[in-house]
Full PDB file with SEQRES, HELIX, SHEET, SSBOND, CRYST1, ORIGX, SCALE, CONECT and MASTER records, all heavy atoms in Angstrom:
SEQRES   1 A   39  GLY ASP VAL GLU ARG GLY ILE ARG LEU TRP ASP ALA ASP          
SEQRES   2 A   39  SER PRO ALA ILE ARG HIS PHE GLU THR ILE ASP VAL PHE          
SEQRES   3 A   39  PRO PHE ALA PRO GLU TRP VAL ILE GLU ALA THR TYR THR          
HELIX    1 AA1 PRO A   15  HIS A   19  1                                   5    
HELIX    2 AA2 PRO A   30  TRP A   32  5                                   3    
CRYST1    1.000    1.000    1.000  90.00  90.00  90.00 P 1           1          
ORIGX1      1.000000  0.000000  0.000000        0.00000                         
ORIGX2      0.000000  1.000000  0.000000        0.00000                         
ORIGX3      0.000000  0.000000  1.000000        0.00000                         
SCALE1      1.000000  0.000000  0.000000        0.00000                         
SCALE2      0.000000  1.000000  0.000000        0.00000                         
SCALE3      0.000000  0.000000  1.000000        0.00000                         
ATOM      1  N   GLY A   1       0.803  -1.216   0.023  1.00  0.00           N  
ATOM      2  CA  GLY A   1      -0.047  -0.007   0.025  1.00  0.00           C  
ATOM      3  C   GLY A   1       0.818   1.247  -0.013  1.00  0.00           C  
ATOM      4  O   GLY A   1       0.288   2.379  -0.017  1.00  0.00           O  
ATOM      5  N   ASP A   2       2.120   1.150   0.017  1.00  0.00           N  
ATOM      6  CA  ASP A   2       3.046   2.294  -0.016  1.00  0.00           C  
ATOM      7  C   ASP A   2       2.912   3.008  -1.368  1.00  0.00           C  
ATOM      8  O   ASP A   2       2.656   2.341  -2.401  1.00  0.00           O  
ATOM      9  CB  ASP A   2       4.466   1.864   0.243  1.00  0.00           C  
ATOM     10  CG  ASP A   2       4.680   1.369   1.685  1.00  0.00           C  
ATOM     11  OD1 ASP A   2       3.884   1.711   2.554  1.00  0.00           O  
ATOM     12  OD2 ASP A   2       5.662   0.586   1.886  1.00  0.00           O  
ATOM     13  N   VAL A   3       3.204   4.317  -1.381  1.00  0.00           N  
ATOM     14  CA  VAL A   3       3.237   5.126  -2.569  1.00  0.00           C  
ATOM     15  C   VAL A   3       4.426   4.726  -3.422  1.00  0.00           C  
ATOM     16  O   VAL A   3       5.528   4.748  -2.898  1.00  0.00           O  
ATOM     17  CB  VAL A   3       3.126   6.587  -2.312  1.00  0.00           C  
ATOM     18  CG1 VAL A   3       3.272   7.371  -3.620  1.00  0.00           C  
ATOM     19  CG2 VAL A   3       1.859   6.973  -1.613  1.00  0.00           C  
ATOM     20  N   GLU A   4       4.176   4.410  -4.683  1.00  0.00           N  
ATOM     21  CA  GLU A   4       5.252   4.200  -5.667  1.00  0.00           C  
ATOM     22  C   GLU A   4       5.219   5.355  -6.673  1.00  0.00           C  
ATOM     23  O   GLU A   4       4.163   5.713  -7.160  1.00  0.00           O  
ATOM     24  CB  GLU A   4       4.997   2.843  -6.387  1.00  0.00           C  
ATOM     25  CG  GLU A   4       5.222   1.661  -5.513  1.00  0.00           C  
ATOM     26  CD  GLU A   4       5.155   0.364  -6.322  1.00  0.00           C  
ATOM     27  OE1 GLU A   4       4.047   0.109  -6.921  1.00  0.00           O  
ATOM     28  OE2 GLU A   4       6.099  -0.449  -6.357  1.00  0.00           O  
ATOM     29  N   ARG A   5       6.371   5.809  -7.047  1.00  0.00           N  
ATOM     30  CA  ARG A   5       6.503   6.837  -8.068  1.00  0.00           C  
ATOM     31  C   ARG A   5       7.203   6.358  -9.256  1.00  0.00           C  
ATOM     32  O   ARG A   5       8.092   5.564  -9.181  1.00  0.00           O  
ATOM     33  CB  ARG A   5       7.241   8.033  -7.448  1.00  0.00           C  
ATOM     34  CG  ARG A   5       6.424   8.749  -6.312  1.00  0.00           C  
ATOM     35  CD  ARG A   5       7.206   9.952  -5.663  1.00  0.00           C  
ATOM     36  NE  ARG A   5       6.331  10.623  -4.739  1.00  0.00           N  
ATOM     37  CZ  ARG A   5       6.122  10.223  -3.475  1.00  0.00           C  
ATOM     38  NH1 ARG A   5       6.761   9.158  -3.044  1.00  0.00           N  
ATOM     39  NH2 ARG A   5       5.274  10.907  -2.677  1.00  0.00           N  
ATOM     40  N   GLY A   6       6.770   6.798 -10.399  1.00  0.00           N  
ATOM     41  CA  GLY A   6       7.279   6.310 -11.669  1.00  0.00           C  
ATOM     42  C   GLY A   6       7.354   7.351 -12.736  1.00  0.00           C  
ATOM     43  O   GLY A   6       6.951   8.555 -12.533  1.00  0.00           O  
ATOM     44  N   ILE A   7       7.824   6.985 -13.818  1.00  0.00           N  
ATOM     45  CA  ILE A   7       8.060   7.818 -15.003  1.00  0.00           C  
ATOM     46  C   ILE A   7       7.407   7.196 -16.260  1.00  0.00           C  
ATOM     47  O   ILE A   7       7.532   5.962 -16.385  1.00  0.00           O  
ATOM     48  CB  ILE A   7       9.480   8.096 -15.327  1.00  0.00           C  
ATOM     49  CG1 ILE A   7      10.183   8.887 -14.202  1.00  0.00           C  
ATOM     50  CG2 ILE A   7       9.719   8.795 -16.666  1.00  0.00           C  
ATOM     51  CD1 ILE A   7       9.815  10.350 -14.196  1.00  0.00           C  
ATOM     52  N   ARG A   8       6.762   7.940 -17.086  1.00  0.00           N  
ATOM     53  CA  ARG A   8       6.296   7.434 -18.355  1.00  0.00           C  
ATOM     54  C   ARG A   8       6.891   8.144 -19.417  1.00  0.00           C  
ATOM     55  O   ARG A   8       7.070   9.371 -19.390  1.00  0.00           O  
ATOM     56  CB  ARG A   8       4.717   7.539 -18.446  1.00  0.00           C  
ATOM     57  CG  ARG A   8       3.970   6.389 -17.824  1.00  0.00           C  
ATOM     58  CD  ARG A   8       2.506   6.455 -17.965  1.00  0.00           C  
ATOM     59  NE  ARG A   8       1.887   5.178 -17.636  1.00  0.00           N  
ATOM     60  CZ  ARG A   8       0.679   5.070 -17.216  1.00  0.00           C  
ATOM     61  NH1 ARG A   8      -0.136   6.085 -17.164  1.00  0.00           N  
ATOM     62  NH2 ARG A   8       0.168   3.846 -16.880  1.00  0.00           N  
ATOM     63  N   LEU A   9       7.350   7.452 -20.499  1.00  0.00           N  
ATOM     64  CA  LEU A   9       7.996   8.017 -21.701  1.00  0.00           C  
ATOM     65  C   LEU A   9       7.002   7.838 -22.824  1.00  0.00           C  
ATOM     66  O   LEU A   9       6.468   6.796 -23.089  1.00  0.00           O  
ATOM     67  CB  LEU A   9       9.313   7.342 -21.999  1.00  0.00           C  
ATOM     68  CG  LEU A   9      10.393   7.445 -20.969  1.00  0.00           C  
ATOM     69  CD1 LEU A   9      11.693   6.752 -21.409  1.00  0.00           C  
ATOM     70  CD2 LEU A   9      10.726   8.944 -20.627  1.00  0.00           C  
ATOM     71  N   TRP A  10       6.811   8.970 -23.528  1.00  0.00           N  
ATOM     72  CA  TRP A  10       5.806   9.063 -24.625  1.00  0.00           C  
ATOM     73  C   TRP A  10       6.635   9.472 -25.887  1.00  0.00           C  
ATOM     74  O   TRP A  10       7.398  10.491 -25.841  1.00  0.00           O  
ATOM     75  CB  TRP A  10       4.764  10.105 -24.293  1.00  0.00           C  
ATOM     76  CG  TRP A  10       4.155  10.029 -22.989  1.00  0.00           C  
ATOM     77  CD1 TRP A  10       4.656  10.530 -21.880  1.00  0.00           C  
ATOM     78  CD2 TRP A  10       2.884   9.441 -22.671  1.00  0.00           C  
ATOM     79  NE1 TRP A  10       3.810  10.281 -20.783  1.00  0.00           N  
ATOM     80  CE2 TRP A  10       2.674   9.619 -21.258  1.00  0.00           C  
ATOM     81  CE3 TRP A  10       1.914   8.803 -23.382  1.00  0.00           C  
ATOM     82  CZ2 TRP A  10       1.580   9.216 -20.634  1.00  0.00           C  
ATOM     83  CZ3 TRP A  10       0.767   8.371 -22.735  1.00  0.00           C  
ATOM     84  CH2 TRP A  10       0.609   8.583 -21.363  1.00  0.00           C  
ATOM     85  N   ASP A  11       6.443   8.727 -27.002  1.00  0.00           N  
ATOM     86  CA  ASP A  11       7.193   9.087 -28.203  1.00  0.00           C  
ATOM     87  C   ASP A  11       6.174   9.447 -29.268  1.00  0.00           C  
ATOM     88  O   ASP A  11       5.378   8.650 -29.677  1.00  0.00           O  
ATOM     89  CB  ASP A  11       8.026   7.886 -28.590  1.00  0.00           C  
ATOM     90  CG  ASP A  11       8.912   8.168 -29.770  1.00  0.00           C  
ATOM     91  OD1 ASP A  11       8.816   9.277 -30.337  1.00  0.00           O  
ATOM     92  OD2 ASP A  11       9.759   7.344 -30.079  1.00  0.00           O  
ATOM     93  N   ALA A  12       6.248  10.711 -29.744  1.00  0.00           N  
ATOM     94  CA  ALA A  12       5.400  11.196 -30.758  1.00  0.00           C  
ATOM     95  C   ALA A  12       5.597  10.490 -32.145  1.00  0.00           C  
ATOM     96  O   ALA A  12       4.777  10.605 -33.062  1.00  0.00           O  
ATOM     97  CB  ALA A  12       5.528  12.736 -30.988  1.00  0.00           C  
ATOM     98  N   ASP A  13       6.655   9.786 -32.234  1.00  0.00           N  
ATOM     99  CA  ASP A  13       6.982   8.969 -33.424  1.00  0.00           C  
ATOM    100  C   ASP A  13       7.091   7.511 -33.091  1.00  0.00           C  
ATOM    101  O   ASP A  13       7.909   6.757 -33.669  1.00  0.00           O  
ATOM    102  CB  ASP A  13       8.410   9.516 -34.010  1.00  0.00           C  
ATOM    103  CG  ASP A  13       8.603   8.825 -35.445  1.00  0.00           C  
ATOM    104  OD1 ASP A  13       7.690   8.736 -36.179  1.00  0.00           O  
ATOM    105  OD2 ASP A  13       9.816   8.621 -35.698  1.00  0.00           O  
ATOM    106  N   SER A  14       6.234   7.063 -32.223  1.00  0.00           N  
ATOM    107  CA  SER A  14       6.296   5.613 -31.722  1.00  0.00           C  
ATOM    108  C   SER A  14       5.870   4.721 -32.918  1.00  0.00           C  
ATOM    109  O   SER A  14       5.171   5.091 -33.788  1.00  0.00           O  
ATOM    110  CB  SER A  14       5.333   5.386 -30.564  1.00  0.00           C  
ATOM    111  OG  SER A  14       4.025   5.488 -31.007  1.00  0.00           O  
ATOM    112  N   PRO A  15       6.354   3.451 -32.849  1.00  0.00           N  
ATOM    113  CA  PRO A  15       5.889   2.512 -33.828  1.00  0.00           C  
ATOM    114  C   PRO A  15       4.319   2.369 -33.934  1.00  0.00           C  
ATOM    115  O   PRO A  15       3.769   2.200 -35.006  1.00  0.00           O  
ATOM    116  CB  PRO A  15       6.506   1.157 -33.378  1.00  0.00           C  
ATOM    117  CG  PRO A  15       7.735   1.621 -32.654  1.00  0.00           C  
ATOM    118  CD  PRO A  15       7.352   2.877 -31.946  1.00  0.00           C  
ATOM    119  N   ALA A  16       3.664   2.407 -32.740  1.00  0.00           N  
ATOM    120  CA  ALA A  16       2.207   2.243 -32.766  1.00  0.00           C  
ATOM    121  C   ALA A  16       1.550   3.470 -33.501  1.00  0.00           C  
ATOM    122  O   ALA A  16       0.588   3.241 -34.262  1.00  0.00           O  
ATOM    123  CB  ALA A  16       1.693   2.269 -31.343  1.00  0.00           C  
ATOM    124  N   ILE A  17       2.099   4.626 -33.417  1.00  0.00           N  
ATOM    125  CA  ILE A  17       1.522   5.806 -34.036  1.00  0.00           C  
ATOM    126  C   ILE A  17       1.764   5.623 -35.605  1.00  0.00           C  
ATOM    127  O   ILE A  17       0.871   5.886 -36.396  1.00  0.00           O  
ATOM    128  CB  ILE A  17       2.110   7.083 -33.581  1.00  0.00           C  
ATOM    129  CG1 ILE A  17       1.595   7.425 -32.233  1.00  0.00           C  
ATOM    130  CG2 ILE A  17       1.800   8.277 -34.524  1.00  0.00           C  
ATOM    131  CD1 ILE A  17       2.157   8.717 -31.557  1.00  0.00           C  
ATOM    132  N   ARG A  18       2.930   5.235 -35.964  1.00  0.00           N  
ATOM    133  CA  ARG A  18       3.280   5.056 -37.340  1.00  0.00           C  
ATOM    134  C   ARG A  18       2.466   4.022 -38.084  1.00  0.00           C  
ATOM    135  O   ARG A  18       2.163   4.142 -39.233  1.00  0.00           O  
ATOM    136  CB  ARG A  18       4.823   4.760 -37.545  1.00  0.00           C  
ATOM    137  CG  ARG A  18       5.715   5.866 -37.121  1.00  0.00           C  
ATOM    138  CD  ARG A  18       7.098   5.742 -37.686  1.00  0.00           C  
ATOM    139  NE  ARG A  18       7.709   4.415 -37.409  1.00  0.00           N  
ATOM    140  CZ  ARG A  18       8.400   4.142 -36.325  1.00  0.00           C  
ATOM    141  NH1 ARG A  18       8.625   5.165 -35.495  1.00  0.00           N  
ATOM    142  NH2 ARG A  18       8.920   2.967 -36.118  1.00  0.00           N  
ATOM    143  N   HIS A  19       2.058   2.959 -37.340  1.00  0.00           N  
ATOM    144  CA  HIS A  19       1.304   1.917 -37.931  1.00  0.00           C  
ATOM    145  C   HIS A  19      -0.253   2.025 -37.752  1.00  0.00           C  
ATOM    146  O   HIS A  19      -0.971   1.211 -38.312  1.00  0.00           O  
ATOM    147  CB  HIS A  19       1.787   0.579 -37.342  1.00  0.00           C  
ATOM    148  CG  HIS A  19       3.034   0.127 -37.800  1.00  0.00           C  
ATOM    149  ND1 HIS A  19       4.280   0.462 -37.190  1.00  0.00           N  
ATOM    150  CD2 HIS A  19       3.455  -0.721 -38.806  1.00  0.00           C  
ATOM    151  CE1 HIS A  19       5.254  -0.098 -37.866  1.00  0.00           C  
ATOM    152  NE2 HIS A  19       4.822  -0.830 -38.842  1.00  0.00           N  
ATOM    153  N   PHE A  20      -0.710   3.003 -36.965  1.00  0.00           N  
ATOM    154  CA  PHE A  20      -2.100   3.079 -36.683  1.00  0.00           C  
ATOM    155  C   PHE A  20      -2.862   3.537 -37.879  1.00  0.00           C  
ATOM    156  O   PHE A  20      -2.502   4.439 -38.675  1.00  0.00           O  
ATOM    157  CB  PHE A  20      -2.307   4.104 -35.553  1.00  0.00           C  
ATOM    158  CG  PHE A  20      -3.771   4.341 -35.230  1.00  0.00           C  
ATOM    159  CD1 PHE A  20      -4.493   3.442 -34.606  1.00  0.00           C  
ATOM    160  CD2 PHE A  20      -4.345   5.605 -35.472  1.00  0.00           C  
ATOM    161  CE1 PHE A  20      -5.815   3.604 -34.233  1.00  0.00           C  
ATOM    162  CE2 PHE A  20      -5.680   5.845 -35.101  1.00  0.00           C  
ATOM    163  CZ  PHE A  20      -6.361   4.856 -34.525  1.00  0.00           C  
ATOM    164  N   GLU A  21      -4.091   2.872 -38.086  1.00  0.00           N  
ATOM    165  CA  GLU A  21      -4.981   3.237 -39.219  1.00  0.00           C  
ATOM    166  C   GLU A  21      -6.292   3.839 -38.699  1.00  0.00           C  
ATOM    167  O   GLU A  21      -6.589   4.981 -39.011  1.00  0.00           O  
ATOM    168  CB  GLU A  21      -5.244   2.046 -40.089  1.00  0.00           C  
ATOM    169  CG  GLU A  21      -4.151   1.581 -41.001  1.00  0.00           C  
ATOM    170  CD  GLU A  21      -4.527   0.620 -42.063  1.00  0.00           C  
ATOM    171  OE1 GLU A  21      -5.577  -0.044 -41.885  1.00  0.00           O  
ATOM    172  OE2 GLU A  21      -3.895   0.503 -43.098  1.00  0.00           O  
ATOM    173  N   THR A  22      -6.961   3.032 -37.859  1.00  0.00           N  
ATOM    174  CA  THR A  22      -8.321   3.521 -37.354  1.00  0.00           C  
ATOM    175  C   THR A  22      -8.693   2.671 -36.237  1.00  0.00           C  
ATOM    176  O   THR A  22      -7.895   1.726 -35.773  1.00  0.00           O  
ATOM    177  CB  THR A  22      -9.337   3.395 -38.571  1.00  0.00           C  
ATOM    178  OG1 THR A  22     -10.552   3.965 -38.119  1.00  0.00           O  
ATOM    179  CG2 THR A  22      -9.604   1.936 -38.921  1.00  0.00           C  
ATOM    180  N   ILE A  23      -9.930   2.903 -35.670  1.00  0.00           N  
ATOM    181  CA  ILE A  23     -10.513   1.949 -34.721  1.00  0.00           C  
ATOM    182  C   ILE A  23     -11.814   1.495 -35.310  1.00  0.00           C  
ATOM    183  O   ILE A  23     -12.676   2.296 -35.654  1.00  0.00           O  
ATOM    184  CB  ILE A  23     -10.795   2.729 -33.366  1.00  0.00           C  
ATOM    185  CG1 ILE A  23      -9.457   3.359 -32.813  1.00  0.00           C  
ATOM    186  CG2 ILE A  23     -11.465   1.818 -32.391  1.00  0.00           C  
ATOM    187  CD1 ILE A  23      -9.729   4.211 -31.583  1.00  0.00           C  
ATOM    188  N   ASP A  24     -11.988   0.181 -35.456  1.00  0.00           N  
ATOM    189  CA  ASP A  24     -13.214  -0.405 -35.916  1.00  0.00           C  
ATOM    190  C   ASP A  24     -14.331  -0.157 -34.922  1.00  0.00           C  
ATOM    191  O   ASP A  24     -14.102  -0.217 -33.667  1.00  0.00           O  
ATOM    192  CB  ASP A  24     -13.046  -1.908 -36.226  1.00  0.00           C  
ATOM    193  CG  ASP A  24     -12.483  -2.181 -37.586  1.00  0.00           C  
ATOM    194  OD1 ASP A  24     -12.478  -1.202 -38.443  1.00  0.00           O  
ATOM    195  OD2 ASP A  24     -12.052  -3.345 -37.792  1.00  0.00           O  
ATOM    196  N   VAL A  25     -15.527  -0.004 -35.421  1.00  0.00           N  
ATOM    197  CA  VAL A  25     -16.694   0.178 -34.553  1.00  0.00           C  
ATOM    198  C   VAL A  25     -17.869  -0.554 -35.065  1.00  0.00           C  
ATOM    199  O   VAL A  25     -17.968  -0.863 -36.257  1.00  0.00           O  
ATOM    200  CB  VAL A  25     -17.061   1.695 -34.449  1.00  0.00           C  
ATOM    201  CG1 VAL A  25     -15.997   2.500 -33.772  1.00  0.00           C  
ATOM    202  CG2 VAL A  25     -17.453   2.239 -35.831  1.00  0.00           C  
ATOM    203  N   PHE A  26     -18.806  -0.856 -34.148  1.00  0.00           N  
ATOM    204  CA  PHE A  26     -20.139  -1.480 -34.555  1.00  0.00           C  
ATOM    205  C   PHE A  26     -21.030  -0.360 -35.064  1.00  0.00           C  
ATOM    206  O   PHE A  26     -20.921   0.801 -34.756  1.00  0.00           O  
ATOM    207  CB  PHE A  26     -20.775  -2.096 -33.406  1.00  0.00           C  
ATOM    208  CG  PHE A  26     -20.172  -3.359 -32.824  1.00  0.00           C  
ATOM    209  CD1 PHE A  26     -19.299  -3.356 -31.717  1.00  0.00           C  
ATOM    210  CD2 PHE A  26     -20.391  -4.580 -33.440  1.00  0.00           C  
ATOM    211  CE1 PHE A  26     -18.743  -4.512 -31.215  1.00  0.00           C  
ATOM    212  CE2 PHE A  26     -19.855  -5.712 -32.997  1.00  0.00           C  
ATOM    213  CZ  PHE A  26     -19.025  -5.698 -31.851  1.00  0.00           C  
ATOM    214  N   PRO A  27     -22.005  -0.698 -35.960  1.00  0.00           N  
ATOM    215  CA  PRO A  27     -23.025   0.249 -36.307  1.00  0.00           C  
ATOM    216  C   PRO A  27     -23.813   0.609 -35.022  1.00  0.00           C  
ATOM    217  O   PRO A  27     -23.865  -0.143 -34.066  1.00  0.00           O  
ATOM    218  CB  PRO A  27     -23.951  -0.583 -37.249  1.00  0.00           C  
ATOM    219  CG  PRO A  27     -23.094  -1.692 -37.735  1.00  0.00           C  
ATOM    220  CD  PRO A  27     -22.152  -2.030 -36.595  1.00  0.00           C  
ATOM    221  N   PHE A  28     -24.429   1.851 -35.117  1.00  0.00           N  
ATOM    222  CA  PHE A  28     -25.180   2.268 -33.905  1.00  0.00           C  
ATOM    223  C   PHE A  28     -26.278   1.256 -33.577  1.00  0.00           C  
ATOM    224  O   PHE A  28     -27.038   0.778 -34.438  1.00  0.00           O  
ATOM    225  CB  PHE A  28     -25.836   3.595 -34.229  1.00  0.00           C  
ATOM    226  CG  PHE A  28     -26.720   4.174 -33.091  1.00  0.00           C  
ATOM    227  CD1 PHE A  28     -26.107   4.698 -31.905  1.00  0.00           C  
ATOM    228  CD2 PHE A  28     -28.031   4.105 -33.163  1.00  0.00           C  
ATOM    229  CE1 PHE A  28     -26.906   5.125 -30.876  1.00  0.00           C  
ATOM    230  CE2 PHE A  28     -28.865   4.575 -32.085  1.00  0.00           C  
ATOM    231  CZ  PHE A  28     -28.255   5.065 -30.921  1.00  0.00           C  
ATOM    232  N   ALA A  29     -26.395   0.938 -32.306  1.00  0.00           N  
ATOM    233  CA  ALA A  29     -27.337  -0.065 -31.816  1.00  0.00           C  
ATOM    234  C   ALA A  29     -28.211   0.537 -30.759  1.00  0.00           C  
ATOM    235  O   ALA A  29     -27.840   0.679 -29.573  1.00  0.00           O  
ATOM    236  CB  ALA A  29     -26.632  -1.307 -31.230  1.00  0.00           C  
ATOM    237  N   PRO A  30     -29.469   1.011 -31.125  1.00  0.00           N  
ATOM    238  CA  PRO A  30     -30.328   1.707 -30.139  1.00  0.00           C  
ATOM    239  C   PRO A  30     -30.715   0.793 -28.937  1.00  0.00           C  
ATOM    240  O   PRO A  30     -30.981   1.285 -27.798  1.00  0.00           O  
ATOM    241  CB  PRO A  30     -31.519   2.088 -30.978  1.00  0.00           C  
ATOM    242  CG  PRO A  30     -31.469   1.178 -32.170  1.00  0.00           C  
ATOM    243  CD  PRO A  30     -30.074   0.932 -32.422  1.00  0.00           C  
ATOM    244  N   GLU A  31     -30.732  -0.516 -29.143  1.00  0.00           N  
ATOM    245  CA  GLU A  31     -31.119  -1.367 -27.993  1.00  0.00           C  
ATOM    246  C   GLU A  31     -30.032  -1.427 -26.917  1.00  0.00           C  
ATOM    247  O   GLU A  31     -30.348  -1.860 -25.807  1.00  0.00           O  
ATOM    248  CB  GLU A  31     -31.295  -2.811 -28.554  1.00  0.00           C  
ATOM    249  CG  GLU A  31     -30.044  -3.581 -29.065  1.00  0.00           C  
ATOM    250  CD  GLU A  31     -29.739  -3.224 -30.582  1.00  0.00           C  
ATOM    251  OE1 GLU A  31     -30.288  -2.252 -31.112  1.00  0.00           O  
ATOM    252  OE2 GLU A  31     -29.016  -4.040 -31.174  1.00  0.00           O  
ATOM    253  N   TRP A  32     -28.883  -0.894 -27.205  1.00  0.00           N  
ATOM    254  CA  TRP A  32     -27.816  -0.782 -26.154  1.00  0.00           C  
ATOM    255  C   TRP A  32     -27.660   0.571 -25.536  1.00  0.00           C  
ATOM    256  O   TRP A  32     -26.630   0.932 -25.006  1.00  0.00           O  
ATOM    257  CB  TRP A  32     -26.527  -1.303 -26.718  1.00  0.00           C  
ATOM    258  CG  TRP A  32     -26.428  -2.796 -26.834  1.00  0.00           C  
ATOM    259  CD1 TRP A  32     -26.502  -3.563 -27.963  1.00  0.00           C  
ATOM    260  CD2 TRP A  32     -26.298  -3.689 -25.669  1.00  0.00           C  
ATOM    261  NE1 TRP A  32     -26.443  -4.913 -27.646  1.00  0.00           N  
ATOM    262  CE2 TRP A  32     -26.306  -5.008 -26.226  1.00  0.00           C  
ATOM    263  CE3 TRP A  32     -26.195  -3.534 -24.367  1.00  0.00           C  
ATOM    264  CZ2 TRP A  32     -26.206  -6.119 -25.451  1.00  0.00           C  
ATOM    265  CZ3 TRP A  32     -26.064  -4.624 -23.516  1.00  0.00           C  
ATOM    266  CH2 TRP A  32     -26.083  -5.921 -24.089  1.00  0.00           C  
ATOM    267  N   VAL A  33     -28.807   1.334 -25.598  1.00  0.00           N  
ATOM    268  CA  VAL A  33     -28.852   2.597 -24.865  1.00  0.00           C  
ATOM    269  C   VAL A  33     -29.822   2.240 -23.723  1.00  0.00           C  
ATOM    270  O   VAL A  33     -31.045   2.109 -24.011  1.00  0.00           O  
ATOM    271  CB  VAL A  33     -29.387   3.745 -25.688  1.00  0.00           C  
ATOM    272  CG1 VAL A  33     -29.421   5.016 -24.824  1.00  0.00           C  
ATOM    273  CG2 VAL A  33     -28.446   4.023 -26.885  1.00  0.00           C  
ATOM    274  N   ILE A  34     -29.348   2.146 -22.482  1.00  0.00           N  
ATOM    275  CA  ILE A  34     -30.145   1.607 -21.373  1.00  0.00           C  
ATOM    276  C   ILE A  34     -30.203   2.502 -20.239  1.00  0.00           C  
ATOM    277  O   ILE A  34     -29.268   3.064 -19.860  1.00  0.00           O  
ATOM    278  CB  ILE A  34     -29.450   0.272 -20.923  1.00  0.00           C  
ATOM    279  CG1 ILE A  34     -29.445  -0.742 -22.063  1.00  0.00           C  
ATOM    280  CG2 ILE A  34     -30.164  -0.310 -19.656  1.00  0.00           C  
ATOM    281  CD1 ILE A  34     -28.541  -1.956 -21.745  1.00  0.00           C  
ATOM    282  N   GLU A  35     -31.406   2.782 -19.842  1.00  0.00           N  
ATOM    283  CA  GLU A  35     -31.673   3.616 -18.638  1.00  0.00           C  
ATOM    284  C   GLU A  35     -31.621   2.669 -17.359  1.00  0.00           C  
ATOM    285  O   GLU A  35     -32.285   1.648 -17.356  1.00  0.00           O  
ATOM    286  CB  GLU A  35     -32.967   4.361 -18.651  1.00  0.00           C  
ATOM    287  CG  GLU A  35     -33.157   5.243 -17.465  1.00  0.00           C  
ATOM    288  CD  GLU A  35     -34.410   6.188 -17.560  1.00  0.00           C  
ATOM    289  OE1 GLU A  35     -34.411   7.074 -18.378  1.00  0.00           O  
ATOM    290  OE2 GLU A  35     -35.355   5.911 -16.848  1.00  0.00           O  
ATOM    291  N   ALA A  36     -30.813   3.040 -16.454  1.00  0.00           N  
ATOM    292  CA  ALA A  36     -30.548   2.218 -15.294  1.00  0.00           C  
ATOM    293  C   ALA A  36     -30.789   2.970 -13.978  1.00  0.00           C  
ATOM    294  O   ALA A  36     -30.780   4.195 -13.987  1.00  0.00           O  
ATOM    295  CB  ALA A  36     -29.152   1.612 -15.296  1.00  0.00           C  
ATOM    296  N   THR A  37     -30.991   2.253 -12.926  1.00  0.00           N  
ATOM    297  CA  THR A  37     -31.187   2.888 -11.621  1.00  0.00           C  
ATOM    298  C   THR A  37     -29.757   3.041 -10.937  1.00  0.00           C  
ATOM    299  O   THR A  37     -28.955   2.067 -10.954  1.00  0.00           O  
ATOM    300  CB  THR A  37     -32.073   2.014 -10.723  1.00  0.00           C  
ATOM    301  OG1 THR A  37     -33.365   1.937 -11.270  1.00  0.00           O  
ATOM    302  CG2 THR A  37     -32.139   2.631  -9.299  1.00  0.00           C  
ATOM    303  N   TYR A  38     -29.498   4.201 -10.418  1.00  0.00           N  
ATOM    304  CA  TYR A  38     -28.274   4.413  -9.621  1.00  0.00           C  
ATOM    305  C   TYR A  38     -28.536   4.651  -8.239  1.00  0.00           C  
ATOM    306  O   TYR A  38     -29.335   5.541  -7.781  1.00  0.00           O  
ATOM    307  CB  TYR A  38     -27.531   5.622 -10.229  1.00  0.00           C  
ATOM    308  CG  TYR A  38     -26.229   5.884  -9.519  1.00  0.00           C  
ATOM    309  CD1 TYR A  38     -25.081   5.149  -9.749  1.00  0.00           C  
ATOM    310  CD2 TYR A  38     -26.155   6.975  -8.569  1.00  0.00           C  
ATOM    311  CE1 TYR A  38     -23.875   5.389  -9.123  1.00  0.00           C  
ATOM    312  CE2 TYR A  38     -24.966   7.179  -7.898  1.00  0.00           C  
ATOM    313  CZ  TYR A  38     -23.810   6.380  -8.192  1.00  0.00           C  
ATOM    314  OH  TYR A  38     -22.649   6.638  -7.555  1.00  0.00           O  
ATOM    315  N   THR A  39     -27.950   3.819  -7.338  1.00  0.00           N  
ATOM    316  CA  THR A  39     -28.166   3.873  -5.919  1.00  0.00           C  
ATOM    317  C   THR A  39     -26.850   4.147  -5.207  1.00  0.00           C  
ATOM    318  O   THR A  39     -26.006   3.290  -5.126  1.00  0.00           O  
ATOM    319  CB  THR A  39     -28.788   2.552  -5.391  1.00  0.00           C  
ATOM    320  OG1 THR A  39     -29.909   2.229  -6.096  1.00  0.00           O  
ATOM    321  CG2 THR A  39     -29.147   2.639  -3.841  1.00  0.00           C  
TER     322      THR A  39                                                      
MASTER        0    0    0    2    0    0    0    6  321    1    0    3          
END                                                                             
């Protein structure tokens, strides 16, 4: 439970950025818009 400190390195020219094309998505599905109770 002790606090750990770290560093993140971000590369604006990373391999993932260079190879990225898009994010696939499903067509809009109205049945998956659900009103729920929040307690």
